[in-house]
């Protein structure tokens, strides 16, 4: 059994204030959201030992807040391919990079993350900024994600900062 945490980045500066969309930083509200979500994550029974994050500044900053809040520092991997990604990109990144970890956190963007949750659980879940979803996946290896039927995972918990 694997555990996947799906986290939308915290609130970022509006487009146009940071130059490019990719470089948008967290606002003060976003910093507080990220800290609340990180604290919540740190209390979960199964902590992620790997974080896969979009390369966008707002996602990376959110991921860093989470990494700092965990008692045992997880491996943090920043991936350009997760910037504004759709479910196939998340699934491919997990299949390629998540072994031997039992619990992984992905940090990224809507609408791709909401679509990923739907693909894995067959449930629609709205992800506001800094929202976290925990999904139980009945697989022994992350590479199995490419061969499973849609909706095979179970949505365990959802948190909104």
N, C-alpha and C. Protein backbone atom coordinates (compact mmCIF):
# COMPACT_ATOMS: atom_id res chain seq x y z
N UNK A 1 0.85 -1.18 0.00
CA UNK A 1 0.00 0.00 0.00
C UNK A 1 0.89 1.24 0.00
N UNK A 2 0.61 2.15 -0.92
CA UNK A 2 1.33 3.42 -1.01
C UNK A 2 0.39 4.56 -0.63
N UNK A 3 0.97 5.65 -0.15
CA UNK A 3 0.20 6.83 0.20
C UNK A 3 0.68 7.99 -0.65
N UNK A 4 -0.29 8.65 -1.29
CA UNK A 4 0.01 9.82 -2.10
C UNK A 4 -0.69 11.03 -1.49
N UNK A 5 0.09 12.05 -1.20
CA UNK A 5 -0.45 13.34 -0.78
C UNK A 5 -0.41 14.27 -1.98
N UNK A 6 -1.52 14.94 -2.23
CA UNK A 6 -1.63 15.87 -3.36
C UNK A 6 -1.89 17.26 -2.77
N UNK A 7 -1.02 18.20 -3.08
CA UNK A 7 -1.09 19.54 -2.50
C UNK A 7 -1.03 20.60 -3.59
N UNK A 8 -2.05 21.45 -3.60
CA UNK A 8 -2.00 22.61 -4.49
C UNK A 8 -1.16 23.68 -3.79
N UNK A 9 -0.36 24.39 -4.56
CA UNK A 9 0.46 25.46 -4.00
C UNK A 9 -0.40 26.46 -3.23
N UNK A 10 0.21 27.16 -2.29
CA UNK A 10 -0.47 28.19 -1.51
C UNK A 10 -0.67 29.44 -2.37
N UNK A 11 -1.40 30.42 -1.81
CA UNK A 11 -1.75 31.62 -2.56
C UNK A 11 -0.50 32.37 -3.01
N UNK A 12 -0.52 32.76 -4.28
CA UNK A 12 0.62 33.47 -4.87
C UNK A 12 0.20 34.87 -5.31
N UNK A 13 1.20 35.69 -5.56
CA UNK A 13 0.97 37.04 -6.08
C UNK A 13 0.21 36.94 -7.40
N UNK A 14 -0.63 37.92 -7.67
CA UNK A 14 -1.38 37.91 -8.94
C UNK A 14 -0.45 37.95 -10.15
N UNK A 15 -0.93 37.41 -11.25
CA UNK A 15 -0.15 37.46 -12.48
C UNK A 15 0.15 38.92 -12.82
N UNK A 16 1.33 39.16 -13.33
CA UNK A 16 1.72 40.51 -13.69
C UNK A 16 2.57 41.19 -12.63
N UNK A 17 2.43 40.77 -11.38
CA UNK A 17 3.23 41.38 -10.30
C UNK A 17 4.62 40.76 -10.21
N UNK A 18 4.79 39.57 -10.73
CA UNK A 18 6.07 38.87 -10.58
C UNK A 18 6.81 38.68 -11.89
N UNK A 19 6.33 39.28 -12.95
CA UNK A 19 6.93 39.05 -14.25
C UNK A 19 6.21 37.92 -14.95
N UNK A 20 6.74 36.71 -14.86
CA UNK A 20 6.10 35.57 -15.51
C UNK A 20 5.28 34.76 -14.50
N UNK A 21 4.35 34.00 -15.03
CA UNK A 21 3.54 33.13 -14.17
C UNK A 21 4.43 32.18 -13.38
N UNK A 22 5.45 31.66 -14.01
CA UNK A 22 6.34 30.68 -13.39
C UNK A 22 7.05 31.25 -12.17
N UNK A 23 7.29 32.54 -12.13
CA UNK A 23 8.06 33.18 -11.06
C UNK A 23 7.21 33.77 -9.94
N UNK A 24 5.89 33.59 -9.99
CA UNK A 24 5.04 34.16 -8.94
C UNK A 24 5.38 33.56 -7.58
N UNK A 25 5.58 34.43 -6.58
CA UNK A 25 5.93 34.00 -5.23
C UNK A 25 4.70 33.97 -4.34
N UNK A 26 4.82 33.28 -3.21
CA UNK A 26 3.74 33.25 -2.24
C UNK A 26 3.54 34.62 -1.63
N UNK A 27 2.29 34.97 -1.38
CA UNK A 27 1.96 36.18 -0.64
C UNK A 27 2.12 35.90 0.85
N UNK A 28 1.94 36.91 1.69
CA UNK A 28 2.00 36.66 3.14
C UNK A 28 0.88 35.70 3.54
N UNK A 29 -0.28 35.85 2.93
CA UNK A 29 -1.37 34.90 3.21
C UNK A 29 -0.97 33.49 2.76
N UNK A 30 -0.33 33.41 1.60
CA UNK A 30 0.13 32.12 1.09
C UNK A 30 1.16 31.48 2.01
N UNK A 31 2.05 32.28 2.55
CA UNK A 31 3.05 31.76 3.51
C UNK A 31 2.33 31.15 4.71
N UNK A 32 1.32 31.85 5.24
CA UNK A 32 0.57 31.34 6.39
C UNK A 32 -0.20 30.08 6.04
N UNK A 33 -0.80 30.05 4.84
CA UNK A 33 -1.50 28.84 4.38
C UNK A 33 -0.55 27.66 4.31
N UNK A 34 0.60 27.88 3.71
CA UNK A 34 1.59 26.81 3.56
C UNK A 34 2.04 26.29 4.92
N UNK A 35 2.22 27.18 5.87
CA UNK A 35 2.63 26.76 7.22
C UNK A 35 1.54 25.93 7.90
N UNK A 36 0.26 26.34 7.74
CA UNK A 36 -0.85 25.56 8.33
C UNK A 36 -0.93 24.16 7.71
N UNK A 37 -0.81 24.10 6.40
CA UNK A 37 -0.87 22.81 5.72
C UNK A 37 0.32 21.94 6.12
N UNK A 38 1.48 22.54 6.21
CA UNK A 38 2.69 21.80 6.61
C UNK A 38 2.53 21.24 8.02
N UNK A 39 1.98 22.03 8.92
CA UNK A 39 1.74 21.55 10.29
C UNK A 39 0.77 20.37 10.28
N UNK A 40 -0.30 20.49 9.51
CA UNK A 40 -1.27 19.41 9.41
C UNK A 40 -0.60 18.15 8.86
N UNK A 41 0.17 18.30 7.81
CA UNK A 41 0.86 17.17 7.20
C UNK A 41 1.80 16.50 8.20
N UNK A 42 2.46 17.29 9.02
CA UNK A 42 3.43 16.74 9.98
C UNK A 42 2.78 15.87 11.05
N UNK A 43 1.45 15.96 11.17
CA UNK A 43 0.72 15.17 12.17
C UNK A 43 0.11 13.88 11.60
N UNK A 44 0.28 13.67 10.29
CA UNK A 44 -0.29 12.48 9.67
C UNK A 44 0.48 11.24 10.11
N UNK A 45 -0.20 10.10 10.08
CA UNK A 45 0.42 8.84 10.53
C UNK A 45 1.56 8.41 9.62
N UNK A 46 1.39 8.61 8.33
CA UNK A 46 2.40 8.20 7.35
C UNK A 46 2.97 9.45 6.69
N UNK A 47 4.20 9.79 7.03
CA UNK A 47 4.80 11.02 6.52
C UNK A 47 5.51 10.78 5.19
N UNK A 48 5.42 11.75 4.28
CA UNK A 48 6.11 11.57 3.01
C UNK A 48 7.63 11.67 3.19
N UNK A 49 8.33 10.77 2.54
CA UNK A 49 9.80 10.81 2.55
C UNK A 49 10.33 11.38 1.24
N UNK A 50 9.42 11.68 0.32
CA UNK A 50 9.77 12.29 -0.96
C UNK A 50 8.73 13.34 -1.30
N UNK A 51 9.20 14.50 -1.76
CA UNK A 51 8.32 15.54 -2.28
C UNK A 51 8.71 15.79 -3.72
N UNK A 52 7.74 15.67 -4.62
CA UNK A 52 7.92 16.01 -6.03
C UNK A 52 7.16 17.31 -6.27
N UNK A 53 7.85 18.36 -6.67
CA UNK A 53 7.23 19.66 -6.82
C UNK A 53 7.42 20.22 -8.21
N UNK A 54 6.41 20.95 -8.65
CA UNK A 54 6.54 21.76 -9.85
C UNK A 54 7.70 22.73 -9.64
N UNK A 55 8.29 23.15 -10.74
CA UNK A 55 9.40 24.10 -10.67
C UNK A 55 8.95 25.55 -10.47
N UNK A 56 7.66 25.81 -10.55
CA UNK A 56 7.17 27.18 -10.35
C UNK A 56 7.54 27.64 -8.94
N UNK A 57 7.90 28.89 -8.81
CA UNK A 57 8.34 29.43 -7.52
C UNK A 57 7.32 29.18 -6.42
N UNK A 58 6.03 29.42 -6.69
CA UNK A 58 4.99 29.27 -5.66
C UNK A 58 4.86 27.82 -5.20
N UNK A 59 5.02 26.87 -6.11
CA UNK A 59 4.95 25.45 -5.74
C UNK A 59 6.19 25.05 -4.95
N UNK A 60 7.35 25.49 -5.41
CA UNK A 60 8.61 25.18 -4.71
C UNK A 60 8.59 25.74 -3.29
N UNK A 61 8.12 26.98 -3.12
CA UNK A 61 8.05 27.58 -1.79
C UNK A 61 7.09 26.80 -0.88
N UNK A 62 5.97 26.37 -1.42
CA UNK A 62 5.01 25.57 -0.66
C UNK A 62 5.65 24.25 -0.25
N UNK A 63 6.33 23.61 -1.18
CA UNK A 63 7.01 22.33 -0.90
C UNK A 63 8.07 22.51 0.18
N UNK A 64 8.80 23.60 0.13
CA UNK A 64 9.85 23.86 1.13
C UNK A 64 9.26 24.03 2.52
N UNK A 65 8.10 24.70 2.63
CA UNK A 65 7.42 24.82 3.93
C UNK A 65 7.10 23.43 4.48
N UNK A 66 6.61 22.57 3.62
CA UNK A 66 6.26 21.21 4.06
C UNK A 66 7.50 20.44 4.48
N UNK A 67 8.55 20.52 3.70
CA UNK A 67 9.78 19.80 4.02
C UNK A 67 10.33 20.24 5.38
N UNK A 68 10.28 21.53 5.66
CA UNK A 68 10.81 22.06 6.92
C UNK A 68 9.98 21.64 8.12
N UNK A 69 8.71 21.37 7.93
CA UNK A 69 7.82 21.03 9.05
C UNK A 69 7.91 19.56 9.47
N UNK A 70 8.47 18.71 8.61
CA UNK A 70 8.51 17.28 8.92
C UNK A 70 9.70 16.95 9.81
N UNK A 71 9.48 16.05 10.74
CA UNK A 71 10.52 15.67 11.71
C UNK A 71 11.75 15.09 11.02
N UNK A 72 11.52 14.29 10.00
CA UNK A 72 12.62 13.73 9.21
C UNK A 72 12.55 14.39 7.84
N UNK A 73 13.61 15.06 7.48
CA UNK A 73 13.61 15.82 6.22
C UNK A 73 13.41 14.90 5.02
N UNK A 74 12.39 15.17 4.22
CA UNK A 74 12.18 14.36 3.02
C UNK A 74 13.11 14.80 1.90
N UNK A 75 13.26 13.93 0.93
CA UNK A 75 13.96 14.29 -0.30
C UNK A 75 13.04 15.22 -1.09
N UNK A 76 13.55 16.36 -1.52
CA UNK A 76 12.75 17.31 -2.30
C UNK A 76 13.31 17.35 -3.71
N UNK A 77 12.44 17.02 -4.68
CA UNK A 77 12.83 17.01 -6.08
C UNK A 77 11.94 17.99 -6.84
N UNK A 78 12.58 18.94 -7.49
CA UNK A 78 11.87 19.96 -8.28
C UNK A 78 11.88 19.51 -9.74
N UNK A 79 10.69 19.46 -10.34
CA UNK A 79 10.57 18.96 -11.71
C UNK A 79 9.89 19.98 -12.62
N UNK A 80 10.60 20.39 -13.65
CA UNK A 80 10.04 21.30 -14.64
C UNK A 80 8.78 20.72 -15.28
N UNK A 81 8.75 19.40 -15.47
CA UNK A 81 7.62 18.74 -16.11
C UNK A 81 6.33 18.75 -15.31
N UNK A 82 6.37 19.17 -14.05
CA UNK A 82 5.15 19.26 -13.25
C UNK A 82 4.54 20.65 -13.27
N UNK A 83 5.19 21.59 -13.95
CA UNK A 83 4.63 22.95 -14.06
C UNK A 83 3.40 22.89 -14.95
N UNK A 84 2.23 23.21 -14.37
CA UNK A 84 0.94 23.18 -15.06
C UNK A 84 0.66 21.81 -15.70
N UNK A 85 1.09 20.75 -15.03
CA UNK A 85 0.99 19.39 -15.57
C UNK A 85 -0.43 18.82 -15.47
N UNK A 86 -0.67 17.85 -16.32
CA UNK A 86 -1.90 17.07 -16.30
C UNK A 86 -1.59 15.70 -15.68
N UNK A 87 -2.62 14.90 -15.36
CA UNK A 87 -2.40 13.62 -14.68
C UNK A 87 -1.32 12.71 -15.27
N UNK A 88 -1.24 12.54 -16.60
CA UNK A 88 -0.18 11.64 -17.10
C UNK A 88 1.23 12.05 -16.68
N UNK A 89 1.48 13.33 -16.58
CA UNK A 89 2.81 13.80 -16.16
C UNK A 89 3.08 13.48 -14.69
N UNK A 90 2.07 13.66 -13.84
CA UNK A 90 2.23 13.31 -12.43
C UNK A 90 2.44 11.81 -12.27
N UNK A 91 1.65 11.02 -12.98
CA UNK A 91 1.77 9.56 -12.88
C UNK A 91 3.13 9.09 -13.39
N UNK A 92 3.61 9.67 -14.48
CA UNK A 92 4.92 9.29 -15.01
C UNK A 92 6.03 9.68 -14.03
N UNK A 93 5.93 10.84 -13.41
CA UNK A 93 6.95 11.27 -12.44
C UNK A 93 6.96 10.33 -11.23
N UNK A 94 5.80 9.94 -10.76
CA UNK A 94 5.72 9.01 -9.64
C UNK A 94 6.31 7.66 -10.02
N UNK A 95 5.94 7.15 -11.18
CA UNK A 95 6.44 5.84 -11.61
C UNK A 95 7.96 5.85 -11.78
N UNK A 96 8.50 6.97 -12.23
CA UNK A 96 9.93 7.04 -12.50
C UNK A 96 10.78 7.38 -11.28
N UNK A 97 10.21 8.11 -10.29
CA UNK A 97 11.03 8.67 -9.22
C UNK A 97 10.65 8.30 -7.80
N UNK A 98 9.50 7.66 -7.60
CA UNK A 98 9.00 7.51 -6.23
C UNK A 98 9.49 6.27 -5.48
N UNK A 99 10.07 5.29 -6.17
CA UNK A 99 10.61 4.14 -5.44
C UNK A 99 11.87 4.58 -4.71
N UNK A 100 12.13 4.11 -3.54
CA UNK A 100 11.46 3.10 -2.73
C UNK A 100 10.51 3.68 -1.68
N UNK A 101 10.06 4.91 -1.88
CA UNK A 101 9.26 5.63 -0.88
C UNK A 101 7.84 5.06 -0.77
N UNK A 102 7.35 4.93 0.46
CA UNK A 102 5.98 4.46 0.68
C UNK A 102 4.96 5.60 0.67
N UNK A 103 5.41 6.80 1.03
CA UNK A 103 4.53 7.97 1.05
C UNK A 103 5.22 9.11 0.31
N UNK A 104 4.48 9.71 -0.62
CA UNK A 104 5.02 10.78 -1.46
C UNK A 104 4.04 11.94 -1.48
N UNK A 105 4.58 13.15 -1.48
CA UNK A 105 3.80 14.37 -1.63
C UNK A 105 4.11 14.97 -2.99
N UNK A 106 3.06 15.29 -3.77
CA UNK A 106 3.24 16.05 -5.00
C UNK A 106 2.65 17.43 -4.79
N UNK A 107 3.39 18.44 -5.24
CA UNK A 107 2.96 19.83 -5.11
C UNK A 107 2.88 20.43 -6.50
N UNK A 108 1.71 20.97 -6.84
CA UNK A 108 1.55 21.50 -8.18
C UNK A 108 0.38 22.44 -8.30
N UNK A 109 -0.33 22.32 -9.42
CA UNK A 109 -1.29 23.33 -9.85
C UNK A 109 -2.62 22.71 -10.29
N UNK A 110 -3.66 23.53 -10.18
CA UNK A 110 -4.95 23.20 -10.80
C UNK A 110 -4.90 23.63 -12.26
N UNK A 111 -5.66 23.02 -13.13
CA UNK A 111 -6.64 21.97 -12.89
C UNK A 111 -6.04 20.55 -12.88
N UNK A 112 -4.75 20.45 -13.13
CA UNK A 112 -4.12 19.13 -13.23
C UNK A 112 -4.21 18.30 -11.97
N UNK A 113 -4.06 18.94 -10.81
CA UNK A 113 -4.13 18.17 -9.56
C UNK A 113 -5.54 17.66 -9.28
N UNK A 114 -6.55 18.50 -9.55
CA UNK A 114 -7.93 18.03 -9.36
C UNK A 114 -8.23 16.87 -10.30
N UNK A 115 -7.73 16.95 -11.51
CA UNK A 115 -7.91 15.86 -12.48
C UNK A 115 -7.18 14.60 -12.02
N UNK A 116 -5.99 14.76 -11.43
CA UNK A 116 -5.24 13.61 -10.90
C UNK A 116 -6.04 12.91 -9.80
N UNK A 117 -6.60 13.67 -8.90
CA UNK A 117 -7.41 13.09 -7.82
C UNK A 117 -8.58 12.33 -8.41
N UNK A 118 -9.23 12.91 -9.41
CA UNK A 118 -10.37 12.24 -10.04
C UNK A 118 -9.94 10.94 -10.71
N UNK A 119 -8.83 10.96 -11.43
CA UNK A 119 -8.33 9.75 -12.09
C UNK A 119 -8.05 8.65 -11.07
N UNK A 120 -7.44 9.02 -9.96
CA UNK A 120 -7.04 8.01 -8.97
C UNK A 120 -8.18 7.53 -8.08
N UNK A 121 -9.17 8.39 -7.82
CA UNK A 121 -10.21 8.03 -6.83
C UNK A 121 -11.63 8.01 -7.39
N UNK A 122 -11.81 8.51 -8.60
CA UNK A 122 -13.14 8.63 -9.19
C UNK A 122 -14.02 9.59 -8.38
N UNK A 123 -13.38 10.52 -7.68
CA UNK A 123 -14.09 11.53 -6.89
C UNK A 123 -13.61 12.92 -7.27
N UNK A 124 -14.56 13.84 -7.37
CA UNK A 124 -14.20 15.24 -7.61
C UNK A 124 -13.89 15.90 -6.28
N UNK A 125 -12.80 16.59 -6.23
CA UNK A 125 -12.39 17.28 -5.01
C UNK A 125 -11.86 18.65 -5.42
N UNK A 126 -12.48 19.70 -4.89
CA UNK A 126 -12.02 21.05 -5.19
C UNK A 126 -10.78 21.35 -4.35
N UNK A 127 -9.73 21.81 -5.00
CA UNK A 127 -8.50 22.17 -4.30
C UNK A 127 -8.33 23.68 -4.31
N UNK A 128 -8.67 24.31 -3.20
CA UNK A 128 -8.35 25.72 -3.02
C UNK A 128 -6.85 25.81 -2.77
N UNK A 129 -6.30 27.00 -2.70
CA UNK A 129 -4.86 27.11 -2.45
C UNK A 129 -4.50 26.44 -1.13
N UNK A 130 -3.38 25.76 -1.14
CA UNK A 130 -2.82 25.03 0.02
C UNK A 130 -3.72 23.89 0.51
N UNK A 131 -4.61 23.40 -0.34
CA UNK A 131 -5.43 22.24 0.03
C UNK A 131 -4.62 20.97 -0.18
N UNK A 132 -4.81 20.03 0.75
CA UNK A 132 -4.07 18.77 0.76
C UNK A 132 -5.04 17.60 0.76
N UNK A 133 -4.79 16.62 -0.09
CA UNK A 133 -5.61 15.41 -0.15
C UNK A 133 -4.69 14.22 0.07
N UNK A 134 -5.15 13.26 0.86
CA UNK A 134 -4.42 12.01 1.08
C UNK A 134 -5.15 10.89 0.36
N UNK A 135 -4.40 10.13 -0.44
CA UNK A 135 -4.98 9.03 -1.21
C UNK A 135 -4.22 7.74 -0.89
N UNK A 136 -4.96 6.70 -0.55
CA UNK A 136 -4.38 5.37 -0.34
C UNK A 136 -4.43 4.63 -1.67
N UNK A 137 -3.30 4.09 -2.06
CA UNK A 137 -3.19 3.40 -3.33
C UNK A 137 -2.82 1.93 -3.09
N UNK A 138 -3.68 1.00 -3.48
CA UNK A 138 -3.41 -0.42 -3.26
C UNK A 138 -2.42 -0.98 -4.29
N UNK A 139 -1.20 -0.51 -4.21
CA UNK A 139 -0.13 -0.96 -5.10
C UNK A 139 1.10 -1.27 -4.25
N UNK A 140 1.94 -2.14 -4.76
CA UNK A 140 3.19 -2.47 -4.08
C UNK A 140 4.34 -1.61 -4.58
N UNK A 141 4.24 -1.14 -5.83
CA UNK A 141 5.30 -0.32 -6.43
C UNK A 141 4.66 0.80 -7.24
N UNK A 142 5.30 1.95 -7.22
CA UNK A 142 4.77 3.11 -7.95
C UNK A 142 4.69 2.86 -9.45
N UNK A 143 5.51 1.99 -9.97
CA UNK A 143 5.47 1.69 -11.40
C UNK A 143 4.14 1.06 -11.82
N UNK A 144 3.40 0.52 -10.86
CA UNK A 144 2.10 -0.08 -11.16
C UNK A 144 1.06 0.96 -11.55
N UNK A 145 1.33 2.23 -11.31
CA UNK A 145 0.35 3.28 -11.64
C UNK A 145 -0.02 3.30 -13.11
N UNK A 146 0.90 2.87 -13.97
CA UNK A 146 0.61 2.90 -15.41
C UNK A 146 -0.37 1.82 -15.84
N UNK A 147 -0.61 0.83 -14.99
CA UNK A 147 -1.45 -0.30 -15.39
C UNK A 147 -2.74 -0.43 -14.58
N UNK A 148 -3.04 0.51 -13.73
CA UNK A 148 -4.23 0.39 -12.88
C UNK A 148 -5.44 1.05 -13.54
N UNK A 149 -6.61 0.60 -13.12
CA UNK A 149 -7.85 1.16 -13.64
C UNK A 149 -8.14 2.50 -12.96
N UNK A 150 -8.76 3.42 -13.67
CA UNK A 150 -9.14 4.69 -13.05
C UNK A 150 -10.03 4.45 -11.82
N UNK A 151 -9.84 5.27 -10.81
CA UNK A 151 -10.67 5.18 -9.62
C UNK A 151 -10.27 4.10 -8.65
N UNK A 152 -9.10 3.52 -8.76
CA UNK A 152 -8.72 2.41 -7.89
C UNK A 152 -8.26 2.86 -6.50
N UNK A 153 -7.89 4.13 -6.36
CA UNK A 153 -7.41 4.64 -5.07
C UNK A 153 -8.56 5.06 -4.18
N UNK A 154 -8.23 5.27 -2.91
CA UNK A 154 -9.25 5.67 -1.93
C UNK A 154 -8.86 7.00 -1.32
N UNK A 155 -9.76 7.98 -1.42
CA UNK A 155 -9.53 9.28 -0.81
C UNK A 155 -9.69 9.12 0.70
N UNK A 156 -8.62 9.32 1.44
CA UNK A 156 -8.60 9.08 2.88
C UNK A 156 -8.97 10.34 3.63
N UNK A 157 -8.43 11.49 3.20
CA UNK A 157 -8.61 12.71 3.97
C UNK A 157 -8.39 13.91 3.06
N UNK A 158 -9.01 15.03 3.44
CA UNK A 158 -8.81 16.29 2.73
C UNK A 158 -8.69 17.41 3.76
N UNK A 159 -7.76 18.31 3.53
CA UNK A 159 -7.51 19.43 4.44
C UNK A 159 -7.46 20.72 3.64
N UNK A 160 -8.11 21.74 4.16
CA UNK A 160 -8.06 23.07 3.55
C UNK A 160 -7.48 24.05 4.56
N UNK A 161 -6.44 24.75 4.16
CA UNK A 161 -5.76 25.70 5.06
C UNK A 161 -6.64 26.89 5.36
